[in-house]
């Protein structure tokens, strides 16, 4: 079969050429747009009613959670949790994180802990922030704890705690009815993801 005969197959008079002429492109485009709309609405409904609402309800049942707000960031789901004052922030955070992980399975997420801070607490945290960031980089957690405790003892706080587990550094402080929580990831972007 020569090259010329192969090209003749695709000429206008051939079956393929006639088939392409008979396609109603406007109808195909309309169906493609409708399919895209249905998939988008389905994805939104799944996200809102099969993931977000059940997760919000589960988290709101926790006795330490005052408020839950779930939103989407560019590449992850952001769960903002307003907590009451807790004596053991690492245990509370771990319990809530496991609940989120079990619901969202393989989706990327970030938990943001909201508190009821005051200026004295913000200043106290600012005074130890560099020790925490240095410990995240260098791993000198004992030195971080010693330096932070020395600074915080003089800050006039009623209570403070600094805890490190395998994933995060937890800072909690309290004065009167105000309290501050910070959760800094050991691995990840500097500045922390869960503040």
Foldseek 3Di string as FASTA:
>chain_A
DDPVVVVVCPDCVHPVNVVVVPDDVVVVVVVVVVVVVVVVVVVVCCCVPVFDVVLQVVVVPDPFFDHWDWDDDPQAIEIETEGADDPDVVVVVVVSVVSNCVRVVPGHYFYAYDFFADPLVVVLCVVLVVLVLVCLVPVPVVVSVVVSVVSVVPSPFPDWDWDDDPFWIWIWTHDDRGIDIDIATSDDDPPGRHD
